[in-house]
């Protein structure tokens, strides 16, 4: 599995999202290659095997300070769905 992460390292919420993805993969023993890109983006963009699972194009609501986008449960669900479909 190949996971692409595009995030802004100056945004603490983006770093939390990046850390969540990395920790989730490690804790669940998922064999994946993570490709990280540090760019100025409004929301983290995550691709799994080349398919976008989050990012500006899928954003439906405004991000608040209390809530990160995409949500961690949404990321976990996307990782699990793609992991089990291999």
PDB file of N, CA and C in Angstrom:
ATOM      1  N   UNK A   1       0.851  -1.160   0.000  1.00  0.00           N
ATOM      2  CA  UNK A   1       0.000   0.000   0.000  1.00  0.00           C
ATOM      3  C   UNK A   1       0.903   1.231   0.000  1.00  0.00           C
ATOM      4  N   UNK A   2       0.528   2.218  -0.795  1.00  0.00           N
ATOM      5  CA  UNK A   2       1.274   3.476  -0.830  1.00  0.00           C
ATOM      6  C   UNK A   2       0.358   4.599  -0.347  1.00  0.00           C
ATOM      7  N   UNK A   3       0.838   5.342   0.633  1.00  0.00           N
ATOM      8  CA  UNK A   3       0.056   6.425   1.215  1.00  0.00           C
ATOM      9  C   UNK A   3       0.789   7.734   0.965  1.00  0.00           C
ATOM     10  N   UNK A   4       0.100   8.674   0.364  1.00  0.00           N
ATOM     11  CA  UNK A   4       0.662  10.002   0.124  1.00  0.00           C
ATOM     12  C   UNK A   4       0.074  10.992   1.105  1.00  0.00           C
ATOM     13  N   UNK A   5       0.933  11.768   1.760  1.00  0.00           N
ATOM     14  CA  UNK A   5       0.499  12.798   2.700  1.00  0.00           C
ATOM     15  C   UNK A   5       1.055  14.137   2.240  1.00  0.00           C
ATOM     16  N   UNK A   6       0.174  15.075   1.983  1.00  0.00           N
ATOM     17  CA  UNK A   6       0.592  16.434   1.668  1.00  0.00           C
ATOM     18  C   UNK A   6       0.027  17.311   2.769  1.00  0.00           C
ATOM     19  N   UNK A   7       0.894  18.035   3.440  1.00  0.00           N
ATOM     20  CA  UNK A   7       0.480  18.824   4.591  1.00  0.00           C
ATOM     21  C   UNK A   7       1.409  20.026   4.734  1.00  0.00           C
ATOM     22  N   UNK A   8       0.968  20.980   5.549  1.00  0.00           N
ATOM     23  CA  UNK A   8       1.776  22.149   5.855  1.00  0.00           C
ATOM     24  C   UNK A   8       2.396  21.955   7.232  1.00  0.00           C
ATOM     25  N   UNK A   9       3.715  21.922   7.297  1.00  0.00           N
ATOM     26  CA  UNK A   9       4.388  21.673   8.583  1.00  0.00           C
ATOM     27  C   UNK A   9       4.262  22.861   9.541  1.00  0.00           C
ATOM     28  N   UNK A  10       3.730  23.980   9.064  1.00  0.00           N
ATOM     29  CA  UNK A  10       3.540  25.134   9.946  1.00  0.00           C
ATOM     30  C   UNK A  10       2.188  25.102  10.657  1.00  0.00           C
ATOM     31  N   UNK A  11       1.313  24.176  10.281  1.00  0.00           N
ATOM     32  CA  UNK A  11      -0.009  24.054  10.900  1.00  0.00           C
ATOM     33  C   UNK A  11      -0.005  22.886  11.881  1.00  0.00           C
ATOM     34  N   UNK A  12      -0.203  23.150  13.180  1.00  0.00           N
ATOM     35  CA  UNK A  12      -0.177  22.073  14.178  1.00  0.00           C
ATOM     36  C   UNK A  12      -1.220  20.984  13.925  1.00  0.00           C
ATOM     37  N   UNK A  13      -2.378  21.349  13.367  1.00  0.00           N
ATOM     38  CA  UNK A  13      -3.398  20.338  13.070  1.00  0.00           C
ATOM     39  C   UNK A  13      -2.946  19.402  11.952  1.00  0.00           C
ATOM     40  N   UNK A  14      -2.189  19.919  11.005  1.00  0.00           N
ATOM     41  CA  UNK A  14      -1.661  19.084   9.926  1.00  0.00           C
ATOM     42  C   UNK A  14      -0.652  18.091  10.488  1.00  0.00           C
ATOM     43  N   UNK A  15       0.172  18.550  11.415  1.00  0.00           N
ATOM     44  CA  UNK A  15       1.169  17.669  12.044  1.00  0.00           C
ATOM     45  C   UNK A  15       0.465  16.566  12.833  1.00  0.00           C
ATOM     46  N   UNK A  16      -0.624  16.915  13.522  1.00  0.00           N
ATOM     47  CA  UNK A  16      -1.391  15.904  14.264  1.00  0.00           C
ATOM     48  C   UNK A  16      -1.945  14.843  13.311  1.00  0.00           C
ATOM     49  N   UNK A  17      -2.434  15.291  12.157  1.00  0.00           N
ATOM     50  CA  UNK A  17      -2.960  14.357  11.161  1.00  0.00           C
ATOM     51  C   UNK A  17      -1.852  13.453  10.645  1.00  0.00           C
ATOM     52  N   UNK A  18      -0.699  14.041  10.318  1.00  0.00           N
ATOM     53  CA  UNK A  18       0.440  13.242   9.843  1.00  0.00           C
ATOM     54  C   UNK A  18       0.846  12.212  10.893  1.00  0.00           C
ATOM     55  N   UNK A  19       0.950  12.634  12.140  1.00  0.00           N
ATOM     56  CA  UNK A  19       1.338  11.714  13.212  1.00  0.00           C
ATOM     57  C   UNK A  19       0.307  10.616  13.413  1.00  0.00           C
ATOM     58  N   UNK A  20      -0.976  10.957  13.285  1.00  0.00           N
ATOM     59  CA  UNK A  20      -2.026   9.950  13.425  1.00  0.00           C
ATOM     60  C   UNK A  20      -1.866   8.864  12.368  1.00  0.00           C
ATOM     61  N   UNK A  21      -1.670   9.270  11.125  1.00  0.00           N
ATOM     62  CA  UNK A  21      -1.530   8.295  10.033  1.00  0.00           C
ATOM     63  C   UNK A  21      -0.317   7.407  10.280  1.00  0.00           C
ATOM     64  N   UNK A  22       0.811   7.996  10.600  1.00  0.00           N
ATOM     65  CA  UNK A  22       2.030   7.217  10.842  1.00  0.00           C
ATOM     66  C   UNK A  22       1.857   6.248  12.010  1.00  0.00           C
ATOM     67  N   UNK A  23       1.282   6.740  13.121  1.00  0.00           N
ATOM     68  CA  UNK A  23       1.076   5.890  14.300  1.00  0.00           C
ATOM     69  C   UNK A  23       0.074   4.776  14.015  1.00  0.00           C
ATOM     70  N   UNK A  24      -0.999   5.093  13.299  1.00  0.00           N
ATOM     71  CA  UNK A  24      -2.023   4.095  12.986  1.00  0.00           C
ATOM     72  C   UNK A  24      -1.429   2.953  12.174  1.00  0.00           C
ATOM     73  N   UNK A  25      -0.644   3.290  11.186  1.00  0.00           N
ATOM     74  CA  UNK A  25      -0.022   2.269  10.336  1.00  0.00           C
ATOM     75  C   UNK A  25       0.916   1.394  11.162  1.00  0.00           C
ATOM     76  N   UNK A  26       1.720   2.018  11.995  1.00  0.00           N
ATOM     77  CA  UNK A  26       2.673   1.266  12.825  1.00  0.00           C
ATOM     78  C   UNK A  26       1.934   0.375  13.828  1.00  0.00           C
ATOM     79  N   UNK A  27       0.942   0.941  14.525  1.00  0.00           N
ATOM     80  CA  UNK A  27       0.223   0.194  15.565  1.00  0.00           C
ATOM     81  C   UNK A  27      -0.583  -0.970  15.008  1.00  0.00           C
ATOM     82  N   UNK A  28      -1.061  -0.872  13.775  1.00  0.00           N
ATOM     83  CA  UNK A  28      -1.878  -1.927  13.179  1.00  0.00           C
ATOM     84  C   UNK A  28      -1.082  -2.854  12.271  1.00  0.00           C
ATOM     85  N   UNK A  29       0.214  -2.640  12.189  1.00  0.00           N
ATOM     86  CA  UNK A  29       1.065  -3.531  11.415  1.00  0.00           C
ATOM     87  C   UNK A  29       0.786  -3.521   9.921  1.00  0.00           C
ATOM     88  N   UNK A  30       0.338  -2.391   9.416  1.00  0.00           N
ATOM     89  CA  UNK A  30       0.038  -2.276   7.991  1.00  0.00           C
ATOM     90  C   UNK A  30       1.338  -2.037   7.231  1.00  0.00           C
ATOM     91  N   UNK A  31       1.568  -2.850   6.229  1.00  0.00           N
ATOM     92  CA  UNK A  31       2.757  -2.680   5.394  1.00  0.00           C
ATOM     93  C   UNK A  31       2.447  -1.601   4.360  1.00  0.00           C
ATOM     94  N   UNK A  32       3.052  -0.434   4.552  1.00  0.00           N
ATOM     95  CA  UNK A  32       2.769   0.690   3.663  1.00  0.00           C
ATOM     96  C   UNK A  32       4.001   1.557   3.505  1.00  0.00           C
ATOM     97  N   UNK A  33       4.087   2.164   2.342  1.00  0.00           N
ATOM     98  CA  UNK A  33       5.126   3.154   2.093  1.00  0.00           C
ATOM     99  C   UNK A  33       4.453   4.522   2.155  1.00  0.00           C
ATOM    100  N   UNK A  34       4.989   5.395   3.003  1.00  0.00           N
ATOM    101  CA  UNK A  34       4.419   6.725   3.173  1.00  0.00           C
ATOM    102  C   UNK A  34       5.289   7.733   2.433  1.00  0.00           C
ATOM    103  N   UNK A  35       4.644   8.506   1.568  1.00  0.00           N
ATOM    104  CA  UNK A  35       5.334   9.559   0.830  1.00  0.00           C
ATOM    105  C   UNK A  35       4.796  10.885   1.349  1.00  0.00           C
ATOM    106  N   UNK A  36       5.669  11.665   1.998  1.00  0.00           N
ATOM    107  CA  UNK A  36       5.254  12.930   2.598  1.00  0.00           C
ATOM    108  C   UNK A  36       5.713  14.110   1.756  1.00  0.00           C
ATOM    109  N   UNK A  37       4.827  15.108   1.643  1.00  0.00           N
ATOM    110  CA  UNK A  37       5.146  16.351   0.941  1.00  0.00           C
ATOM    111  C   UNK A  37       4.741  17.511   1.835  1.00  0.00           C
ATOM    112  N   UNK A  38       5.680  18.408   2.094  1.00  0.00           N
ATOM    113  CA  UNK A  38       5.415  19.585   2.903  1.00  0.00           C
ATOM    114  C   UNK A  38       5.168  20.755   1.961  1.00  0.00           C
ATOM    115  N   UNK A  39       3.898  21.178   1.878  1.00  0.00           N
ATOM    116  CA  UNK A  39       3.507  22.283   0.997  1.00  0.00           C
ATOM    117  C   UNK A  39       2.462  23.139   1.699  1.00  0.00           C
ATOM    118  N   UNK A  40       2.277  24.331   1.195  1.00  0.00           N
ATOM    119  CA  UNK A  40       1.232  25.207   1.718  1.00  0.00           C
ATOM    120  C   UNK A  40      -0.116  24.715   1.198  1.00  0.00           C
ATOM    121  N   UNK A  41      -0.869  24.030   2.046  1.00  0.00           N
ATOM    122  CA  UNK A  41      -2.212  23.562   1.702  1.00  0.00           C
ATOM    123  C   UNK A  41      -3.154  23.943   2.841  1.00  0.00           C
ATOM    124  N   UNK A  42      -4.422  24.139   2.523  1.00  0.00           N
ATOM    125  CA  UNK A  42      -5.411  24.506   3.539  1.00  0.00           C
ATOM    126  C   UNK A  42      -5.767  23.328   4.433  1.00  0.00           C
ATOM    127  N   UNK A  43      -5.879  22.150   3.850  1.00  0.00           N
ATOM    128  CA  UNK A  43      -6.192  20.930   4.598  1.00  0.00           C
ATOM    129  C   UNK A  43      -5.225  19.838   4.154  1.00  0.00           C
ATOM    130  N   UNK A  44      -4.923  18.884   5.030  1.00  0.00           N
ATOM    131  CA  UNK A  44      -4.049  17.786   4.613  1.00  0.00           C
ATOM    132  C   UNK A  44      -4.691  16.997   3.479  1.00  0.00           C
ATOM    133  N   UNK A  45      -3.878  16.581   2.541  1.00  0.00           N
ATOM    134  CA  UNK A  45      -4.361  15.771   1.431  1.00  0.00           C
ATOM    135  C   UNK A  45      -3.779  14.374   1.595  1.00  0.00           C
ATOM    136  N   UNK A  46      -4.645  13.376   1.575  1.00  0.00           N
ATOM    137  CA  UNK A  46      -4.225  12.002   1.781  1.00  0.00           C
ATOM    138  C   UNK A  46      -4.656  11.178   0.576  1.00  0.00           C
ATOM    139  N   UNK A  47      -3.707  10.437   0.019  1.00  0.00           N
ATOM    140  CA  UNK A  47      -4.024   9.516  -1.062  1.00  0.00           C
ATOM    141  C   UNK A  47      -3.612   8.116  -0.629  1.00  0.00           C
ATOM    142  N   UNK A  48      -4.383   7.151  -1.044  1.00  0.00           N
ATOM    143  CA  UNK A  48      -4.070   5.751  -0.788  1.00  0.00           C
ATOM    144  C   UNK A  48      -4.039   5.064  -2.142  1.00  0.00           C
ATOM    145  N   UNK A  49      -2.871   4.532  -2.490  1.00  0.00           N
ATOM    146  CA  UNK A  49      -2.669   3.897  -3.786  1.00  0.00           C
ATOM    147  C   UNK A  49      -3.115   4.801  -4.933  1.00  0.00           C
ATOM    148  N   UNK A  50      -2.817   6.085  -4.818  1.00  0.00           N
ATOM    149  CA  UNK A  50      -3.106   7.042  -5.862  1.00  0.00           C
ATOM    150  C   UNK A  50      -4.506   7.616  -5.869  1.00  0.00           C
ATOM    151  N   UNK A  51      -5.380   7.135  -5.004  1.00  0.00           N
ATOM    152  CA  UNK A  51      -6.758   7.631  -4.940  1.00  0.00           C
ATOM    153  C   UNK A  51      -6.917   8.598  -3.780  1.00  0.00           C
ATOM    154  N   UNK A  52      -7.454   9.766  -4.065  1.00  0.00           N
ATOM    155  CA  UNK A  52      -7.629  10.792  -3.044  1.00  0.00           C
ATOM    156  C   UNK A  52      -8.728  10.387  -2.067  1.00  0.00           C
ATOM    157  N   UNK A  53      -8.399  10.397  -0.780  1.00  0.00           N
ATOM    158  CA  UNK A  53      -9.410  10.104   0.244  1.00  0.00           C
ATOM    159  C   UNK A  53      -9.738  11.335   1.064  1.00  0.00           C
ATOM    160  N   UNK A  54      -8.978  12.410   0.906  1.00  0.00           N
ATOM    161  CA  UNK A  54      -9.285  13.665   1.586  1.00  0.00           C
ATOM    162  C   UNK A  54      -8.549  14.790   0.906  1.00  0.00           C
ATOM    163  N   UNK A  55      -8.923  15.996   1.249  1.00  0.00           N
ATOM    164  CA  UNK A  55      -8.268  17.164   0.692  1.00  0.00           C
ATOM    165  C   UNK A  55      -9.273  18.221   0.328  1.00  0.00           C
ATOM    166  N   UNK A  56      -8.810  19.280  -0.325  1.00  0.00           N
ATOM    167  CA  UNK A  56      -9.674  20.411  -0.653  1.00  0.00           C
ATOM    168  C   UNK A  56     -10.877  20.001  -1.487  1.00  0.00           C
ATOM    169  N   UNK A  57     -10.700  19.087  -2.416  1.00  0.00           N
ATOM    170  CA  UNK A  57     -11.800  18.727  -3.308  1.00  0.00           C
ATOM    171  C   UNK A  57     -12.925  17.994  -2.581  1.00  0.00           C
ATOM    172  N   UNK A  58     -12.636  17.361  -1.456  1.00  0.00           N
ATOM    173  CA  UNK A  58     -13.664  16.626  -0.718  1.00  0.00           C
ATOM    174  C   UNK A  58     -14.172  17.381   0.501  1.00  0.00           C
ATOM    175  N   UNK A  59     -13.683  18.590   0.693  1.00  0.00           N
ATOM    176  CA  UNK A  59     -14.065  19.355   1.890  1.00  0.00           C
ATOM    177  C   UNK A  59     -15.503  19.834   1.750  1.00  0.00           C
ATOM    178  N   UNK A  60     -16.346  19.468   2.704  1.00  0.00           N
ATOM    179  CA  UNK A  60     -17.763  19.816   2.642  1.00  0.00           C
ATOM    180  C   UNK A  60     -18.137  20.927   3.632  1.00  0.00           C
ATOM    181  N   UNK A  61     -17.307  21.122   4.643  1.00  0.00           N
ATOM    182  CA  UNK A  61     -17.622  22.111   5.664  1.00  0.00           C
ATOM    183  C   UNK A  61     -16.351  22.824   6.089  1.00  0.00           C
ATOM    184  N   UNK A  62     -16.505  23.949   6.729  1.00  0.00           N
ATOM    185  CA  UNK A  62     -15.349  24.707   7.177  1.00  0.00           C
ATOM    186  C   UNK A  62     -14.675  24.012   8.341  1.00  0.00           C
ATOM    187  N   UNK A  63     -13.365  24.128   8.391  1.00  0.00           N
ATOM    188  CA  UNK A  63     -12.607  23.546   9.487  1.00  0.00           C
ATOM    189  C   UNK A  63     -12.619  24.525  10.653  1.00  0.00           C
ATOM    190  N   UNK A  64     -12.931  24.035  11.834  1.00  0.00           N
ATOM    191  CA  UNK A  64     -12.904  24.880  13.026  1.00  0.00           C
ATOM    192  C   UNK A  64     -11.637  24.559  13.815  1.00  0.00           C
ATOM    193  N   UNK A  65     -11.337  25.379  14.785  1.00  0.00           N
ATOM    194  CA  UNK A  65     -10.138  25.175  15.597  1.00  0.00           C
ATOM    195  C   UNK A  65     -10.240  23.890  16.413  1.00  0.00           C
ATOM    196  N   UNK A  66     -11.464  23.497  16.757  1.00  0.00           N
ATOM    197  CA  UNK A  66     -11.643  22.292  17.580  1.00  0.00           C
ATOM    198  C   UNK A  66     -11.620  21.007  16.767  1.00  0.00           C
ATOM    199  N   UNK A  67     -11.807  21.127  15.497  1.00  0.00           N
ATOM    200  CA  UNK A  67     -12.009  19.936  14.667  1.00  0.00           C
ATOM    201  C   UNK A  67     -11.015  19.914  13.517  1.00  0.00           C
ATOM    202  N   UNK A  68     -10.353  18.804  13.350  1.00  0.00           N
ATOM    203  CA  UNK A  68      -9.429  18.693  12.221  1.00  0.00           C
ATOM    204  C   UNK A  68     -10.164  18.070  11.036  1.00  0.00           C
ATOM    205  N   UNK A  69      -9.689  18.345   9.870  1.00  0.00           N
ATOM    206  CA  UNK A  69     -10.254  17.754   8.673  1.00  0.00           C
ATOM    207  C   UNK A  69      -9.128  17.177   7.870  1.00  0.00           C
ATOM    208  N   UNK A  70      -9.180  15.982   7.463  1.00  0.00           N
ATOM    209  CA  UNK A  70     -10.245  15.024   7.720  1.00  0.00           C
ATOM    210  C   UNK A  70     -10.187  14.523   9.152  1.00  0.00           C
ATOM    211  N   UNK A  71     -11.291  13.984   9.625  1.00  0.00           N
ATOM    212  CA  UNK A  71     -11.319  13.503  11.008  1.00  0.00           C
ATOM    213  C   UNK A  71     -10.515  12.204  11.109  1.00  0.00           C
ATOM    214  N   UNK A  72      -9.988  11.964  12.289  1.00  0.00           N
ATOM    215  CA  UNK A  72      -9.188  10.761  12.490  1.00  0.00           C
ATOM    216  C   UNK A  72      -9.994   9.482  12.261  1.00  0.00           C
ATOM    217  N   UNK A  73     -11.258   9.397  12.728  1.00  0.00           N
ATOM    218  CA  UNK A  73     -12.035   8.191  12.410  1.00  0.00           C
ATOM    219  C   UNK A  73     -12.231   7.984  10.908  1.00  0.00           C
ATOM    220  N   UNK A  74     -12.388   9.078  10.150  1.00  0.00           N
ATOM    221  CA  UNK A  74     -12.525   8.961   8.692  1.00  0.00           C
ATOM    222  C   UNK A  74     -11.248   8.430   8.061  1.00  0.00           C
ATOM    223  N   UNK A  75     -10.102   8.913   8.549  1.00  0.00           N
ATOM    224  CA  UNK A  75      -8.814   8.436   8.033  1.00  0.00           C
ATOM    225  C   UNK A  75      -8.637   6.961   8.357  1.00  0.00           C
ATOM    226  N   UNK A  76      -8.927   6.582   9.591  1.00  0.00           N
ATOM    227  CA  UNK A  76      -8.786   5.183  10.008  1.00  0.00           C
ATOM    228  C   UNK A  76      -9.681   4.281   9.162  1.00  0.00           C
ATOM    229  N   UNK A  77     -10.901   4.715   8.910  1.00  0.00           N
ATOM    230  CA  UNK A  77     -11.841   3.919   8.108  1.00  0.00           C
ATOM    231  C   UNK A  77     -11.310   3.741   6.678  1.00  0.00           C
ATOM    232  N   UNK A  78     -10.770   4.804   6.100  1.00  0.00           N
ATOM    233  CA  UNK A  78     -10.227   4.718   4.738  1.00  0.00           C
ATOM    234  C   UNK A  78      -9.030   3.783   4.690  1.00  0.00           C
ATOM    235  N   UNK A  79      -8.151   3.855   5.695  1.00  0.00           N
ATOM    236  CA  UNK A  79      -6.991   2.968   5.740  1.00  0.00           C
ATOM    237  C   UNK A  79      -7.430   1.515   5.868  1.00  0.00           C
ATOM    238  N   UNK A  80      -8.380   1.269   6.758  1.00  0.00           N
ATOM    239  CA  UNK A  80      -8.864  -0.108   6.951  1.00  0.00           C
ATOM    240  C   UNK A  80      -9.531  -0.650   5.691  1.00  0.00           C
ATOM    241  N   UNK A  81     -10.360   0.137   5.065  1.00  0.00           N
ATOM    242  CA  UNK A  81     -11.051  -0.316   3.846  1.00  0.00           C
ATOM    243  C   UNK A  81     -10.046  -0.677   2.760  1.00  0.00           C
ATOM    244  N   UNK A  82      -9.028   0.146   2.602  1.00  0.00           N
ATOM    245  CA  UNK A  82      -8.028  -0.135   1.580  1.00  0.00           C
ATOM    246  C   UNK A  82      -7.118  -1.279   1.975  1.00  0.00           C
ATOM    247  N   UNK A  83      -6.810  -1.426   3.245  1.00  0.00           N
ATOM    248  CA  UNK A  83      -5.969  -2.509   3.701  1.00  0.00           C
ATOM    249  C   UNK A  83      -6.661  -3.859   3.478  1.00  0.00           C
ATOM    250  N   UNK A  84      -7.934  -3.932   3.839  1.00  0.00           N
ATOM    251  CA  UNK A  84      -8.649  -5.208   3.714  1.00  0.00           C
ATOM    252  C   UNK A  84      -8.995  -5.543   2.273  1.00  0.00           C
ATOM    253  N   UNK A  85      -8.971  -4.568   1.390  1.00  0.00           N
ATOM    254  CA  UNK A  85      -9.302  -4.866  -0.009  1.00  0.00           C
ATOM    255  C   UNK A  85      -8.092  -5.317  -0.826  1.00  0.00           C
ATOM    256  N   UNK A  86      -6.900  -5.331  -0.212  1.00  0.00           N
ATOM    257  CA  UNK A  86      -5.699  -5.766  -0.937  1.00  0.00           C
ATOM    258  C   UNK A  86      -5.710  -7.257  -1.176  1.00  0.00           C
TER     259      UNK A  86
END
